[in-house]
Amino acid sequence: MQLYEAGVPLLHIRDILWHVTLSATDIYARVSTEAKRNALESAYTDIITDELPEWTQDPGLLDWLTNL
């Protein structure tokens, strides 16, 4: 997975691991949560802002969430 995230093509990883088929290597190529988040953020640049939602300004709600 580290090779894949570093940009090494899956075909090369297949050869390094001596897998016969690419589908055998594909089983292990799972994208990390960080990579998924980055992909979603880059796809939806127009809806992601630095503004905090209104609920973050509610001290009662924040205390309740903290104490869960």
Protein backbone atom coordinates (compact mmCIF):
# COMPACT_ATOMS: atom_id res chain seq x y z
CA MET A 1 0.00 0.00 0.00
CA GLN A 2 2.86 2.37 0.75
CA LEU A 3 4.31 1.82 -2.71
CA TYR A 4 0.93 2.43 -4.31
CA GLU A 5 0.37 5.64 -2.34
CA ALA A 6 3.88 6.76 -3.28
CA GLY A 7 2.85 6.59 -6.93
CA VAL A 8 4.30 3.24 -7.96
CA PRO A 9 2.06 1.74 -10.66
CA LEU A 10 0.13 -1.36 -9.62
CA LEU A 11 1.74 -3.30 -12.48
CA HIS A 12 5.19 -2.73 -10.98
CA ILE A 13 3.99 -3.72 -7.53
CA ARG A 14 2.54 -6.91 -9.03
CA ASP A 15 5.97 -7.76 -10.44
CA ILE A 16 7.74 -6.97 -7.16
CA LEU A 17 5.37 -9.28 -5.29
CA TRP A 18 5.59 -11.99 -7.97
CA HIS A 19 1.82 -12.08 -8.43
CA VAL A 20 0.63 -13.80 -11.60
CA THR A 21 -2.37 -11.55 -12.15
CA LEU A 22 -3.06 -7.91 -11.46
CA SER A 23 -6.29 -8.88 -9.70
CA ALA A 24 -4.24 -10.74 -7.08
CA THR A 25 -2.32 -7.52 -6.33
CA ASP A 26 -5.46 -5.41 -6.47
CA ILE A 27 -6.80 -7.20 -3.38
CA TYR A 28 -4.07 -5.53 -1.31
CA ALA A 29 -4.33 -2.10 -2.91
CA ARG A 30 -6.74 -0.40 -0.55
CA VAL A 31 -6.65 3.35 -0.37
CA SER A 32 -5.99 4.89 3.03
CA THR A 33 -8.51 7.11 4.76
CA GLU A 34 -6.22 10.08 4.25
CA ALA A 35 -6.04 9.46 0.50
CA LYS A 36 -9.83 9.16 0.33
CA ARG A 37 -10.25 12.43 2.21
CA ASN A 38 -7.79 14.21 -0.08
CA ALA A 39 -9.59 12.88 -3.15
CA LEU A 40 -12.97 14.05 -1.88
CA GLU A 41 -11.62 17.46 -0.93
CA SER A 42 -10.06 17.95 -4.35
CA ALA A 43 -13.28 16.89 -6.08
CA TYR A 44 -15.48 19.22 -4.04
CA THR A 45 -13.35 22.34 -3.74
CA ASP A 46 -16.34 24.63 -4.23
CA ILE A 47 -18.24 23.35 -1.17
CA ILE A 48 -15.40 22.98 1.34
CA THR A 49 -14.76 26.11 3.37
CA ASP A 50 -12.77 27.05 6.45
CA GLU A 51 -15.93 28.31 8.13
CA LEU A 52 -17.04 26.37 11.17
CA PRO A 53 -20.64 25.13 11.29
CA GLU A 54 -23.10 26.87 13.64
CA TRP A 55 -23.22 23.98 16.10
CA THR A 56 -19.57 24.61 17.02
CA GLN A 57 -20.70 27.85 18.67
CA ASP A 58 -23.16 26.11 21.03
CA PRO A 59 -21.34 25.61 24.37
CA GLY A 60 -24.10 23.40 25.78
CA LEU A 61 -23.95 21.04 22.84
CA LEU A 62 -20.13 20.97 22.90
CA ASP A 63 -20.14 20.14 26.64
CA TRP A 64 -22.67 17.38 26.04
CA LEU A 65 -20.61 15.92 23.17
CA THR A 66 -17.41 16.12 25.22
CA ASN A 67 -19.01 14.17 28.05
CA LEU A 68 -20.31 11.32 25.91
